[in-house]
């Protein structure tokens, strides 16, 4: 049996400052430092079912439809997206807080997938430490509405997001 060990990204918090930092800390106390690290994952990455690869499923709310920002939970992002990014790119978004330009393919119609890219298509962390995939053109051109159910996954072989409308929630 082969042992498929992979690297997984996670946050590391330093609660014990070096003596030099402790002595120069403000009276309000030491602020812990958070950094992104890669650790060995004893479990293999989640296997993708080629027929049902949609690891993140969500029902769109009013904010997502009007802003074009699809909220992705922290845990799902780390498990199904950042796990497959190189460390530098993951650090760029998770620690530095920068937005990262991405490509999004709408594969609702398998015969005519739609590609979205450019300055208005990006992935970023929010102040609440969830993530958003921003693509207003997807919302407009697909005519997505509140309560529509979509699936999202990061295609690690081709390095882009795939999105699919499963069903429309409102007539």
C-alpha atoms as a PDB file:
ATOM      1  CA  UNK A   1       0.000   0.000   0.000  1.00  0.00           C
ATOM      2  CA  UNK A   2       1.349   3.407  -0.980  1.00  0.00           C
ATOM      3  CA  UNK A   3       1.432   6.187   1.554  1.00  0.00           C
ATOM      4  CA  UNK A   4       0.284   9.360  -0.207  1.00  0.00           C
ATOM      5  CA  UNK A   5       1.353  12.097   2.186  1.00  0.00           C
ATOM      6  CA  UNK A   6       0.562  15.609   1.054  1.00  0.00           C
ATOM      7  CA  UNK A   7       1.127  19.062   2.434  1.00  0.00           C
ATOM      8  CA  UNK A   8      -1.847  20.911   3.838  1.00  0.00           C
ATOM      9  CA  UNK A   9      -1.994  24.624   4.597  1.00  0.00           C
ATOM     10  CA  UNK A  10      -3.042  25.779   8.045  1.00  0.00           C
ATOM     11  CA  UNK A  11      -2.577  28.742  10.358  1.00  0.00           C
ATOM     12  CA  UNK A  12       0.079  28.691  13.060  1.00  0.00           C
ATOM     13  CA  UNK A  13      -0.325  31.061  15.988  1.00  0.00           C
ATOM     14  CA  UNK A  14       2.663  32.164  18.070  1.00  0.00           C
ATOM     15  CA  UNK A  15       1.332  32.789  21.573  1.00  0.00           C
ATOM     16  CA  UNK A  16       4.790  32.865  23.182  1.00  0.00           C
ATOM     17  CA  UNK A  17       6.818  35.828  21.955  1.00  0.00           C
ATOM     18  CA  UNK A  18      10.589  35.902  22.106  1.00  0.00           C
ATOM     19  CA  UNK A  19      11.939  37.758  25.152  1.00  0.00           C
ATOM     20  CA  UNK A  20      12.962  40.767  23.032  1.00  0.00           C
ATOM     21  CA  UNK A  21       9.401  41.187  21.686  1.00  0.00           C
ATOM     22  CA  UNK A  22       7.897  40.638  25.108  1.00  0.00           C
ATOM     23  CA  UNK A  23      10.000  43.446  26.593  1.00  0.00           C
ATOM     24  CA  UNK A  24       9.020  45.907  23.858  1.00  0.00           C
ATOM     25  CA  UNK A  25       5.309  45.018  23.892  1.00  0.00           C
ATOM     26  CA  UNK A  26       2.843  47.781  24.605  1.00  0.00           C
ATOM     27  CA  UNK A  27       1.143  47.905  28.001  1.00  0.00           C
ATOM     28  CA  UNK A  28      -2.010  46.507  26.391  1.00  0.00           C
ATOM     29  CA  UNK A  29      -0.159  43.256  25.868  1.00  0.00           C
ATOM     30  CA  UNK A  30       1.536  41.196  23.233  1.00  0.00           C
ATOM     31  CA  UNK A  31      -0.336  40.590  20.016  1.00  0.00           C
ATOM     32  CA  UNK A  32       0.082  37.060  18.825  1.00  0.00           C
ATOM     33  CA  UNK A  33       1.350  36.508  15.314  1.00  0.00           C
ATOM     34  CA  UNK A  34      -0.398  34.325  12.809  1.00  0.00           C
ATOM     35  CA  UNK A  35       1.372  32.764   9.872  1.00  0.00           C
ATOM     36  CA  UNK A  36       0.469  30.291   7.191  1.00  0.00           C
ATOM     37  CA  UNK A  37       2.399  27.026   7.296  1.00  0.00           C
ATOM     38  CA  UNK A  38       2.325  23.763   5.412  1.00  0.00           C
ATOM     39  CA  UNK A  39       2.053  20.594   7.436  1.00  0.00           C
ATOM     40  CA  UNK A  40       2.118  16.962   6.450  1.00  0.00           C
ATOM     41  CA  UNK A  41      -1.371  15.665   6.038  1.00  0.00           C
ATOM     42  CA  UNK A  42      -1.631  12.019   7.005  1.00  0.00           C
ATOM     43  CA  UNK A  43      -4.927  11.733   5.161  1.00  0.00           C
ATOM     44  CA  UNK A  44      -4.954  11.989   1.373  1.00  0.00           C
ATOM     45  CA  UNK A  45      -6.677  14.998  -0.180  1.00  0.00           C
ATOM     46  CA  UNK A  46     -10.393  14.589  -0.813  1.00  0.00           C
ATOM     47  CA  UNK A  47     -10.936  12.499  -3.925  1.00  0.00           C
ATOM     48  CA  UNK A  48     -12.883  14.135  -6.716  1.00  0.00           C
ATOM     49  CA  UNK A  49     -15.695  12.164  -8.253  1.00  0.00           C
ATOM     50  CA  UNK A  50     -15.385  13.106 -11.941  1.00  0.00           C
ATOM     51  CA  UNK A  51     -19.170  12.823 -12.296  1.00  0.00           C
ATOM     52  CA  UNK A  52     -19.926  14.952  -9.204  1.00  0.00           C
ATOM     53  CA  UNK A  53     -16.901  17.161  -8.458  1.00  0.00           C
ATOM     54  CA  UNK A  54     -18.914  19.926  -6.773  1.00  0.00           C
ATOM     55  CA  UNK A  55     -17.261  20.079  -3.363  1.00  0.00           C
ATOM     56  CA  UNK A  56     -18.815  23.389  -2.383  1.00  0.00           C
ATOM     57  CA  UNK A  57     -22.564  23.726  -2.818  1.00  0.00           C
ATOM     58  CA  UNK A  58     -24.433  26.815  -1.829  1.00  0.00           C
ATOM     59  CA  UNK A  59     -27.703  28.625  -2.131  1.00  0.00           C
ATOM     60  CA  UNK A  60     -27.212  32.227  -3.217  1.00  0.00           C
ATOM     61  CA  UNK A  61     -28.466  35.028  -0.980  1.00  0.00           C
ATOM     62  CA  UNK A  62     -29.439  38.611  -1.828  1.00  0.00           C
ATOM     63  CA  UNK A  63     -25.999  40.070  -1.042  1.00  0.00           C
ATOM     64  CA  UNK A  64     -24.204  37.529  -3.241  1.00  0.00           C
ATOM     65  CA  UNK A  65     -26.511  38.129  -6.200  1.00  0.00           C
ATOM     66  CA  UNK A  66     -26.380  41.941  -6.011  1.00  0.00           C
ATOM     67  CA  UNK A  67     -22.644  42.238  -5.272  1.00  0.00           C
ATOM     68  CA  UNK A  68     -21.371  39.380  -7.434  1.00  0.00           C
ATOM     69  CA  UNK A  69     -19.397  38.083  -4.424  1.00  0.00           C
ATOM     70  CA  UNK A  70     -20.016  34.408  -3.691  1.00  0.00           C
ATOM     71  CA  UNK A  71     -19.106  33.682  -0.058  1.00  0.00           C
ATOM     72  CA  UNK A  72     -17.101  30.521   0.566  1.00  0.00           C
ATOM     73  CA  UNK A  73     -16.656  29.219   4.118  1.00  0.00           C
ATOM     74  CA  UNK A  74     -13.193  29.249   5.687  1.00  0.00           C
ATOM     75  CA  UNK A  75     -12.995  25.463   6.152  1.00  0.00           C
ATOM     76  CA  UNK A  76     -14.171  24.671   2.620  1.00  0.00           C
ATOM     77  CA  UNK A  77     -11.675  27.150   1.184  1.00  0.00           C
ATOM     78  CA  UNK A  78      -8.736  25.622   3.031  1.00  0.00           C
ATOM     79  CA  UNK A  79      -9.788  22.040   2.293  1.00  0.00           C
ATOM     80  CA  UNK A  80     -10.908  22.340  -1.319  1.00  0.00           C
ATOM     81  CA  UNK A  81      -9.112  25.382  -2.751  1.00  0.00           C
ATOM     82  CA  UNK A  82      -5.977  26.564  -0.909  1.00  0.00           C
ATOM     83  CA  UNK A  83      -4.788  22.991  -0.406  1.00  0.00           C
ATOM     84  CA  UNK A  84      -4.091  22.881  -4.151  1.00  0.00           C
ATOM     85  CA  UNK A  85      -2.489  26.325  -4.466  1.00  0.00           C
ATOM     86  CA  UNK A  86       1.234  26.784  -4.114  1.00  0.00           C
ATOM     87  CA  UNK A  87       2.336  28.195  -0.781  1.00  0.00           C
ATOM     88  CA  UNK A  88       3.192  31.641  -2.136  1.00  0.00           C
ATOM     89  CA  UNK A  89      -0.251  32.148  -3.700  1.00  0.00           C
ATOM     90  CA  UNK A  90      -2.059  30.860  -0.599  1.00  0.00           C
ATOM     91  CA  UNK A  91       0.019  33.181   1.610  1.00  0.00           C
ATOM     92  CA  UNK A  92      -0.708  36.098  -0.732  1.00  0.00           C
ATOM     93  CA  UNK A  93      -4.435  35.782  -0.081  1.00  0.00           C
ATOM     94  CA  UNK A  94      -4.691  34.214   3.411  1.00  0.00           C
ATOM     95  CA  UNK A  95      -2.047  36.243   5.278  1.00  0.00           C
ATOM     96  CA  UNK A  96      -1.369  39.343   3.202  1.00  0.00           C
ATOM     97  CA  UNK A  97      -5.060  39.804   2.401  1.00  0.00           C
ATOM     98  CA  UNK A  98      -4.552  40.568  -1.275  1.00  0.00           C
ATOM     99  CA  UNK A  99      -7.062  39.663  -3.919  1.00  0.00           C
ATOM    100  CA  UNK A 100      -5.932  37.114  -6.461  1.00  0.00           C
ATOM    101  CA  UNK A 101      -7.073  37.208 -10.077  1.00  0.00           C
ATOM    102  CA  UNK A 102      -8.674  33.904 -11.062  1.00  0.00           C
ATOM    103  CA  UNK A 103     -10.454  32.360 -14.010  1.00  0.00           C
ATOM    104  CA  UNK A 104     -14.013  31.084 -13.624  1.00  0.00           C
ATOM    105  CA  UNK A 105     -15.725  28.678 -16.008  1.00  0.00           C
ATOM    106  CA  UNK A 106     -19.509  28.412 -15.904  1.00  0.00           C
ATOM    107  CA  UNK A 107     -20.157  24.831 -17.013  1.00  0.00           C
ATOM    108  CA  UNK A 108     -23.919  24.832 -16.490  1.00  0.00           C
ATOM    109  CA  UNK A 109     -24.260  24.223 -20.227  1.00  0.00           C
ATOM    110  CA  UNK A 110     -21.628  21.543 -20.914  1.00  0.00           C
ATOM    111  CA  UNK A 111     -21.752  22.172 -24.650  1.00  0.00           C
ATOM    112  CA  UNK A 112     -21.165  25.933 -24.324  1.00  0.00           C
ATOM    113  CA  UNK A 113     -19.163  26.732 -21.181  1.00  0.00           C
ATOM    114  CA  UNK A 114     -18.615  30.408 -20.450  1.00  0.00           C
ATOM    115  CA  UNK A 115     -15.210  31.745 -19.381  1.00  0.00           C
ATOM    116  CA  UNK A 116     -14.862  34.736 -17.051  1.00  0.00           C
ATOM    117  CA  UNK A 117     -11.548  36.454 -16.381  1.00  0.00           C
ATOM    118  CA  UNK A 118     -10.082  39.911 -15.961  1.00  0.00           C
ATOM    119  CA  UNK A 119      -9.845  42.609 -13.300  1.00  0.00           C
ATOM    120  CA  UNK A 120     -13.366  41.972 -12.004  1.00  0.00           C
ATOM    121  CA  UNK A 121     -12.859  38.235 -11.437  1.00  0.00           C
ATOM    122  CA  UNK A 122     -10.929  37.555  -8.246  1.00  0.00           C
ATOM    123  CA  UNK A 123     -10.695  35.607  -5.004  1.00  0.00           C
ATOM    124  CA  UNK A 124     -10.043  37.239  -1.632  1.00  0.00           C
ATOM    125  CA  UNK A 125     -10.363  36.875   2.132  1.00  0.00           C
ATOM    126  CA  UNK A 126     -13.007  38.865   4.026  1.00  0.00           C
ATOM    127  CA  UNK A 127     -12.642  40.572   7.427  1.00  0.00           C
ATOM    128  CA  UNK A 128     -14.617  37.654   8.923  1.00  0.00           C
ATOM    129  CA  UNK A 129     -11.953  35.296   7.497  1.00  0.00           C
ATOM    130  CA  UNK A 130     -14.255  33.656   5.023  1.00  0.00           C
ATOM    131  CA  UNK A 131     -13.483  34.010   1.342  1.00  0.00           C
ATOM    132  CA  UNK A 132     -15.321  35.463  -1.641  1.00  0.00           C
ATOM    133  CA  UNK A 133     -15.207  34.568  -5.294  1.00  0.00           C
ATOM    134  CA  UNK A 134     -16.142  37.740  -7.155  1.00  0.00           C
ATOM    135  CA  UNK A 135     -17.569  37.537 -10.667  1.00  0.00           C
ATOM    136  CA  UNK A 136     -20.430  39.956 -11.340  1.00  0.00           C
ATOM    137  CA  UNK A 137     -20.529  39.032 -15.033  1.00  0.00           C
ATOM    138  CA  UNK A 138     -21.389  35.463 -14.046  1.00  0.00           C
ATOM    139  CA  UNK A 139     -24.350  36.719 -11.999  1.00  0.00           C
ATOM    140  CA  UNK A 140     -25.609  38.923 -14.831  1.00  0.00           C
ATOM    141  CA  UNK A 141     -25.049  36.658 -17.817  1.00  0.00           C
ATOM    142  CA  UNK A 142     -26.329  33.525 -16.092  1.00  0.00           C
ATOM    143  CA  UNK A 143     -29.160  35.625 -14.592  1.00  0.00           C
ATOM    144  CA  UNK A 144     -28.590  34.112 -11.153  1.00  0.00           C
ATOM    145  CA  UNK A 145     -31.186  34.876  -8.511  1.00  0.00           C
ATOM    146  CA  UNK A 146     -31.690  34.598  -4.772  1.00  0.00           C
ATOM    147  CA  UNK A 147     -32.151  30.935  -3.725  1.00  0.00           C
ATOM    148  CA  UNK A 148     -30.436  29.545  -6.835  1.00  0.00           C
ATOM    149  CA  UNK A 149     -28.310  26.530  -5.906  1.00  0.00           C
ATOM    150  CA  UNK A 150     -24.811  26.409  -7.395  1.00  0.00           C
ATOM    151  CA  UNK A 151     -21.805  24.141  -7.121  1.00  0.00           C
ATOM    152  CA  UNK A 152     -18.197  25.337  -7.105  1.00  0.00           C
ATOM    153  CA  UNK A 153     -14.873  23.574  -7.215  1.00  0.00           C
ATOM    154  CA  UNK A 154     -11.251  24.418  -7.859  1.00  0.00           C
ATOM    155  CA  UNK A 155      -9.952  22.473 -10.847  1.00  0.00           C
ATOM    156  CA  UNK A 156      -6.427  21.776  -9.626  1.00  0.00           C
ATOM    157  CA  UNK A 157      -5.295  20.329 -12.961  1.00  0.00           C
ATOM    158  CA  UNK A 158      -6.156  23.452 -14.933  1.00  0.00           C
ATOM    159  CA  UNK A 159      -6.020  26.060 -12.124  1.00  0.00           C
ATOM    160  CA  UNK A 160      -9.440  27.660 -12.327  1.00  0.00           C
ATOM    161  CA  UNK A 161     -12.819  27.637 -10.629  1.00  0.00           C
ATOM    162  CA  UNK A 162     -15.725  25.764 -12.160  1.00  0.00           C
ATOM    163  CA  UNK A 163     -19.259  26.878 -11.325  1.00  0.00           C
ATOM    164  CA  UNK A 164     -22.515  25.147 -12.183  1.00  0.00           C
ATOM    165  CA  UNK A 165     -26.140  26.135 -11.623  1.00  0.00           C
ATOM    166  CA  UNK A 166     -27.985  23.102 -10.231  1.00  0.00           C
ATOM    167  CA  UNK A 167     -31.438  24.587 -10.000  1.00  0.00           C
ATOM    168  CA  UNK A 168     -33.130  27.930  -9.892  1.00  0.00           C
ATOM    169  CA  UNK A 169     -34.774  28.695  -6.578  1.00  0.00           C
ATOM    170  CA  UNK A 170     -37.220  31.319  -7.820  1.00  0.00           C
ATOM    171  CA  UNK A 171     -39.309  31.529 -10.999  1.00  0.00           C
END
